[in-house]
């Protein structure tokens, strides 16, 4: 007879207790402040497990790779330099939001980075295995990808690396704005994405991607800016409204994966008659932008690659 769920959980908790009892005590620990409370962690964690790609890419941004990871992003949605670092890293996710706690135990982590998408029960089970730091990806934290990288940097002791990343992004944005600012002032942009046919989203300047492009000189078209939400989330619109909301954009960007591939919903939307008749589309001023749900600095830099390539096509060097 198969053991019941409660018996399996009891066995897992006992295994976690024995593993912790057998493990050597950390020589040094430190307490870090997180958005979800203070956490005591090893001074210099070496074996890190992430439970979600939104925590994995920040770790890779900082020059570290996990020993175990949650559900992976597709290779075409992972920065090319990062993919070899995680392609063979064990996945600790099961179906849905469940985790393979036995696998996590086997990996003997000294730090787990969790996200705030799940309940306290899951955090408690992870804490029974190793100190768990939670970072924000949902709710009020949804669009705060830079803050998420900072919190991961705090946890792994690489705040200076984070500051270098932030400075490099800002310098590149300033360089693009310096070259193309005048051109962009006269050519407002709009950004859209779609995951399900019939339900496109428009991304104003205060969304994740908008906060990357605006410091690089982008001026967002008025039609898109009317859709700004206080949360910084993108706004869902109807197919019928695309022709009105994007009409004043001189340059239109649509989301792809990092390799420039589009999903079927994007193809369907681009084939709409009211979309094809938009002035920017008619004039060949429609461009891919890469992944616009930003997981970290790797994604952000690639978005700027696409943005700059479009500007070079339109305005030259």
Protein backbone atom coordinates (compact mmCIF):
# COMPACT_ATOMS: atom_id res chain seq x y z
CA UNK A 1 0.00 0.00 0.00
CA UNK A 2 1.28 3.49 -0.86
CA UNK A 3 2.03 5.71 2.16
CA UNK A 4 -0.42 8.51 2.79
CA UNK A 5 0.52 12.12 2.01
CA UNK A 6 0.80 12.91 5.74
CA UNK A 7 3.16 9.98 6.30
CA UNK A 8 5.30 11.00 3.35
CA UNK A 9 5.51 14.56 4.72
CA UNK A 10 6.43 13.25 8.17
CA UNK A 11 9.19 11.16 6.64
CA UNK A 12 10.45 14.15 4.70
CA UNK A 13 10.53 16.35 7.81
CA UNK A 14 12.42 13.63 9.70
CA UNK A 15 14.91 13.34 6.83
CA UNK A 16 15.39 17.10 6.85
CA UNK A 17 15.98 17.07 10.62
CA UNK A 18 18.53 14.27 10.39
CA UNK A 19 20.29 15.98 7.49
CA UNK A 20 20.58 19.20 9.45
CA UNK A 21 21.69 17.40 12.59
CA UNK A 22 24.44 15.60 10.66
CA UNK A 23 25.63 18.71 8.82
CA UNK A 24 28.53 20.74 10.26
CA UNK A 25 27.59 24.06 11.80
CA UNK A 26 28.39 27.10 9.68
CA UNK A 27 31.54 28.87 10.83
CA UNK A 28 29.91 32.26 10.44
CA UNK A 29 26.41 33.53 9.80
CA UNK A 30 24.89 36.92 9.19
CA UNK A 31 21.39 38.34 9.41
CA UNK A 32 20.03 40.08 6.33
CA UNK A 33 16.98 42.27 6.03
CA UNK A 34 14.50 41.18 3.36
CA UNK A 35 11.14 42.51 2.26
CA UNK A 36 9.58 39.64 4.23
CA UNK A 37 11.57 39.81 7.46
CA UNK A 38 15.09 39.23 8.74
CA UNK A 39 16.79 35.92 7.90
CA UNK A 40 19.95 34.36 9.34
CA UNK A 41 22.06 32.82 6.59
CA UNK A 42 25.64 31.56 6.12
CA UNK A 43 28.22 34.30 5.72
CA UNK A 44 29.30 32.97 2.33
CA UNK A 45 26.74 30.53 0.88
CA UNK A 46 28.19 28.12 -1.67
CA UNK A 47 25.37 25.73 -2.56
CA UNK A 48 22.34 27.76 -3.59
CA UNK A 49 18.98 26.43 -4.77
CA UNK A 50 16.53 28.73 -6.54
CA UNK A 51 12.85 27.82 -6.80
CA UNK A 52 11.87 30.01 -9.77
CA UNK A 53 13.57 31.46 -12.85
CA UNK A 54 12.83 34.93 -11.50
CA UNK A 55 15.36 34.10 -8.79
CA UNK A 56 17.71 32.12 -11.04
CA UNK A 57 18.56 34.85 -13.55
CA UNK A 58 19.50 37.37 -10.83
CA UNK A 59 21.93 34.80 -9.45
CA UNK A 60 23.42 34.33 -12.93
CA UNK A 61 23.61 38.12 -13.36
CA UNK A 62 25.86 38.15 -10.29
CA UNK A 63 28.22 35.52 -11.66
CA UNK A 64 26.92 32.53 -9.70
CA UNK A 65 25.04 29.39 -10.74
CA UNK A 66 22.62 27.41 -8.56
CA UNK A 67 23.12 23.76 -7.68
CA UNK A 68 19.38 23.26 -8.15
CA UNK A 69 16.74 25.35 -9.90
CA UNK A 70 13.01 25.68 -10.23
CA UNK A 71 11.28 25.37 -13.57
CA UNK A 72 13.72 26.50 -16.26
CA UNK A 73 13.03 29.13 -18.86
CA UNK A 74 13.29 27.85 -22.43
CA UNK A 75 16.73 28.12 -23.98
CA UNK A 76 15.44 30.85 -26.31
CA UNK A 77 14.26 32.81 -23.26
CA UNK A 78 17.61 32.54 -21.49
CA UNK A 79 20.50 34.88 -22.36
CA UNK A 80 22.92 32.84 -24.50
CA UNK A 81 25.84 33.31 -22.10
CA UNK A 82 23.69 32.04 -19.24
CA UNK A 83 22.28 28.90 -20.82
CA UNK A 84 25.44 26.74 -20.50
CA UNK A 85 25.55 27.60 -16.79
CA UNK A 86 22.12 26.09 -16.08
CA UNK A 87 21.44 23.62 -18.90
CA UNK A 88 22.52 20.67 -16.76
CA UNK A 89 21.55 21.99 -13.33
CA UNK A 90 18.97 19.68 -11.66
CA UNK A 91 15.38 20.92 -11.71
CA UNK A 92 13.63 20.74 -8.35
CA UNK A 93 10.12 21.58 -9.61
CA UNK A 94 7.31 19.10 -10.07
CA UNK A 95 3.98 19.75 -11.77
CA UNK A 96 2.27 23.02 -10.98
CA UNK A 97 3.79 24.83 -8.02
CA UNK A 98 4.96 21.69 -6.20
CA UNK A 99 8.62 21.20 -5.38
CA UNK A 100 10.61 17.99 -5.14
CA UNK A 101 11.72 18.36 -1.53
CA UNK A 102 13.56 15.05 -1.57
CA UNK A 103 15.66 16.32 -4.49
CA UNK A 104 16.39 19.56 -2.67
CA UNK A 105 17.59 17.55 0.33
CA UNK A 106 19.91 15.52 -1.88
CA UNK A 107 21.49 18.72 -3.20
CA UNK A 108 22.42 19.78 0.38
CA UNK A 109 21.95 23.53 -0.14
CA UNK A 110 23.21 26.06 2.38
CA UNK A 111 20.81 28.71 1.01
CA UNK A 112 17.46 28.58 -0.80
CA UNK A 113 16.04 31.55 -2.68
CA UNK A 114 12.25 31.42 -2.83
CA UNK A 115 9.71 33.81 -4.36
CA UNK A 116 6.61 35.32 -2.77
CA UNK A 117 4.17 33.53 -5.05
CA UNK A 118 3.31 30.71 -2.65
CA UNK A 119 2.17 30.19 0.92
CA UNK A 120 3.95 30.09 4.28
CA UNK A 121 3.62 26.31 4.35
CA UNK A 122 6.06 25.97 1.47
CA UNK A 123 8.55 28.40 3.04
CA UNK A 124 8.45 26.44 6.30
CA UNK A 125 9.22 23.21 4.49
CA UNK A 126 12.13 24.85 2.69
CA UNK A 127 13.45 26.34 5.93
CA UNK A 128 13.54 22.83 7.37
CA UNK A 129 16.16 22.04 4.72
CA UNK A 130 18.21 25.26 4.60
CA UNK A 131 17.85 28.98 5.40
CA UNK A 132 15.39 30.42 2.90
CA UNK A 133 15.40 33.99 1.62
CA UNK A 134 12.22 35.12 -0.10
CA UNK A 135 12.32 37.72 -2.89
CA UNK A 136 9.40 39.52 -4.50
CA UNK A 137 8.09 38.58 -7.93
CA UNK A 138 4.32 38.90 -7.39
CA UNK A 139 1.89 41.47 -6.06
CA UNK A 140 3.46 44.84 -5.36
CA UNK A 141 6.86 43.43 -6.36
CA UNK A 142 5.79 42.16 -9.77
CA UNK A 143 7.62 44.70 -11.90
CA UNK A 144 10.55 45.39 -9.58
CA UNK A 145 13.13 43.24 -11.30
CA UNK A 146 16.07 45.48 -10.32
CA UNK A 147 15.07 45.29 -6.65
CA UNK A 148 14.88 41.51 -6.93
CA UNK A 149 18.45 41.35 -8.23
CA UNK A 150 19.52 43.61 -5.35
CA UNK A 151 17.88 41.34 -2.76
CA UNK A 152 19.57 38.27 -4.26
CA UNK A 153 22.88 40.16 -4.23
CA UNK A 154 22.42 40.88 -0.52
CA UNK A 155 21.78 37.21 0.17
CA UNK A 156 24.87 35.95 -1.67
CA UNK A 157 27.18 38.77 -0.63
CA UNK A 158 27.57 40.38 -4.05
CA UNK A 159 26.14 43.86 -3.62
CA UNK A 160 29.17 45.38 -5.38
CA UNK A 161 28.49 43.18 -8.41
CA UNK A 162 24.88 44.39 -8.40
CA UNK A 163 26.01 48.01 -8.27
CA UNK A 164 28.32 47.38 -11.22
CA UNK A 165 25.44 45.87 -13.21
CA UNK A 166 23.19 48.83 -12.43
CA UNK A 167 25.92 51.27 -13.44
CA UNK A 168 26.60 49.46 -16.71
CA UNK A 169 22.91 49.44 -17.62
CA UNK A 170 22.58 53.15 -16.81
CA UNK A 171 25.69 53.98 -18.84
CA UNK A 172 24.38 52.11 -21.85
CA UNK A 173 20.98 53.77 -21.59
CA UNK A 174 22.64 57.17 -21.42
CA UNK A 175 24.82 56.37 -24.43
CA UNK A 176 21.80 55.35 -26.54
CA UNK A 177 19.84 58.42 -25.40
CA UNK A 178 22.79 60.62 -26.30
CA UNK A 179 22.93 59.26 -29.84
CA UNK A 180 19.24 58.93 -30.58
CA UNK A 181 17.47 61.28 -28.16
CA UNK A 182 16.63 63.92 -30.76
CA UNK A 183 15.34 61.29 -33.18
CA UNK A 184 13.24 59.61 -30.49
CA UNK A 185 11.76 62.93 -29.37
CA UNK A 186 10.18 63.19 -32.80
CA UNK A 187 9.31 59.49 -33.09
CA UNK A 188 7.28 58.26 -30.10
CA UNK A 189 7.20 54.51 -29.50
CA UNK A 190 4.68 51.92 -28.38
CA UNK A 191 5.26 48.39 -27.07
CA UNK A 192 2.82 45.52 -27.04
CA UNK A 193 2.75 41.80 -26.31
CA UNK A 194 0.25 38.96 -26.46
CA UNK A 195 0.17 35.42 -25.05
CA UNK A 196 -3.35 34.43 -26.06
CA UNK A 197 -4.96 35.37 -29.38
CA UNK A 198 -7.53 38.11 -28.86
CA UNK A 199 -5.99 39.47 -25.66
CA UNK A 200 -3.08 41.82 -26.46
CA UNK A 201 -1.40 43.97 -23.83
CA UNK A 202 0.13 47.43 -24.23
CA UNK A 203 3.16 48.40 -22.15
CA UNK A 204 3.34 52.10 -21.18
CA UNK A 205 6.47 53.82 -19.92
CA UNK A 206 6.08 52.72 -16.27
CA UNK A 207 6.10 48.98 -17.04
CA UNK A 208 9.20 46.78 -16.73
CA UNK A 209 10.21 47.30 -20.34
CA UNK A 210 9.20 50.96 -20.32
CA UNK A 211 11.54 51.67 -17.41
CA UNK A 212 14.37 50.18 -19.47
CA UNK A 213 13.62 52.07 -22.69
CA UNK A 214 12.67 55.49 -21.31
CA UNK A 215 16.14 56.21 -19.80
CA UNK A 216 17.53 55.17 -23.20
CA UNK A 217 15.66 58.08 -24.79
CA UNK A 218 12.33 56.48 -25.68
CA UNK A 219 9.31 58.77 -25.66
CA UNK A 220 6.10 56.78 -25.35
CA UNK A 221 3.19 57.64 -27.61
CA UNK A 222 0.19 59.31 -26.00
CA UNK A 223 -2.20 56.50 -26.90
CA UNK A 224 -0.12 54.00 -24.94
CA UNK A 225 0.46 56.39 -22.06
CA UNK A 226 -3.27 56.76 -21.43
CA UNK A 227 -3.17 53.14 -20.25
CA UNK A 228 -0.68 53.63 -17.40
CA UNK A 229 -1.63 51.81 -14.19
CA UNK A 230 -0.38 52.72 -10.73
CA UNK A 231 0.94 49.16 -10.35
CA UNK A 232 3.21 49.48 -13.38
CA UNK A 233 1.55 46.48 -15.00
CA UNK A 234 0.83 46.22 -18.71
CA UNK A 235 -2.78 46.85 -19.78
CA UNK A 236 -4.93 44.35 -21.62
CA UNK A 237 -6.88 45.74 -24.57
CA UNK A 238 -9.06 44.33 -27.33
CA UNK A 239 -7.96 43.60 -30.88
CA UNK A 240 -10.41 46.25 -32.03
CA UNK A 241 -8.74 48.95 -29.93
CA UNK A 242 -5.23 48.35 -31.25
CA UNK A 243 -5.83 50.52 -34.29
CA UNK A 244 -6.74 53.47 -32.09
CA UNK A 245 -4.28 53.04 -29.21
CA UNK A 246 -1.22 52.52 -31.42
CA UNK A 247 -2.15 55.00 -34.15
CA UNK A 248 0.06 57.85 -32.91
CA UNK A 249 3.17 55.69 -32.42
CA UNK A 250 5.89 56.37 -34.97
CA UNK A 251 7.75 53.17 -33.98
CA UNK A 252 6.03 50.00 -32.76
CA UNK A 253 7.79 47.21 -30.88
CA UNK A 254 6.32 43.77 -30.26
CA UNK A 255 7.53 41.13 -27.81
CA UNK A 256 9.40 38.01 -28.92
CA UNK A 257 11.59 35.55 -27.10
CA UNK A 258 15.25 36.47 -26.68
CA UNK A 259 16.08 34.84 -30.00
CA UNK A 260 13.49 36.93 -31.85
CA UNK A 261 10.90 34.17 -32.28
CA UNK A 262 7.20 35.03 -32.01
CA UNK A 263 4.36 32.94 -30.66
CA UNK A 264 1.24 32.14 -32.66
CA UNK A 265 -0.81 34.78 -30.85
CA UNK A 266 1.65 37.45 -31.99
CA UNK A 267 1.45 36.23 -35.57
CA UNK A 268 -2.35 36.32 -35.38
CA UNK A 269 -2.34 39.85 -33.99
CA UNK A 270 0.11 41.16 -36.55
CA UNK A 271 -2.18 39.78 -39.28
CA UNK A 272 -5.19 41.83 -38.13
CA UNK A 273 -6.33 44.30 -40.76
CA UNK A 274 -6.50 47.26 -38.33
CA UNK A 275 -2.96 46.47 -37.17
CA UNK A 276 -1.58 46.15 -40.69
CA UNK A 277 -3.08 49.55 -41.53
CA UNK A 278 -1.29 51.35 -38.69
CA UNK A 279 0.98 54.07 -40.12
CA UNK A 280 4.08 52.70 -38.38
CA UNK A 281 3.43 49.21 -39.75
CA UNK A 282 2.70 50.51 -43.24
CA UNK A 283 5.99 52.42 -43.20
CA UNK A 284 8.11 49.49 -42.01
CA UNK A 285 8.62 50.96 -38.54
CA UNK A 286 7.60 47.82 -36.63
CA UNK A 287 10.33 45.84 -34.83
CA UNK A 288 10.86 42.91 -32.45
CA UNK A 289 12.02 43.77 -28.93
CA UNK A 290 12.92 40.46 -27.32
CA UNK A 291 11.55 39.32 -24.00
CA UNK A 292 9.76 42.14 -22.18
CA UNK A 293 8.95 40.32 -18.93
CA UNK A 294 12.34 41.06 -17.42
CA UNK A 295 13.97 38.54 -15.08
CA UNK A 296 17.29 40.34 -14.67
CA UNK A 297 20.06 42.36 -16.24
CA UNK A 298 20.67 39.73 -18.92
CA UNK A 299 17.15 40.23 -20.29
CA UNK A 300 17.40 44.03 -19.95
CA UNK A 301 20.62 44.27 -21.96
CA UNK A 302 19.18 42.13 -24.76
CA UNK A 303 16.08 44.36 -24.91
CA UNK A 304 18.44 47.30 -25.43
CA UNK A 305 20.19 45.32 -28.19
CA UNK A 306 16.88 45.07 -30.06
CA UNK A 307 15.99 48.69 -29.34
CA UNK A 308 19.35 49.96 -30.60
CA UNK A 309 19.21 47.76 -33.72
CA UNK A 310 15.84 49.28 -34.64
CA UNK A 311 17.17 52.80 -34.14
CA UNK A 312 20.21 52.07 -36.29
CA UNK A 313 17.90 50.83 -39.05
CA UNK A 314 15.72 53.93 -38.86
CA UNK A 315 18.19 56.69 -38.04
CA UNK A 316 21.61 55.26 -38.91
CA UNK A 317 24.70 55.71 -36.77
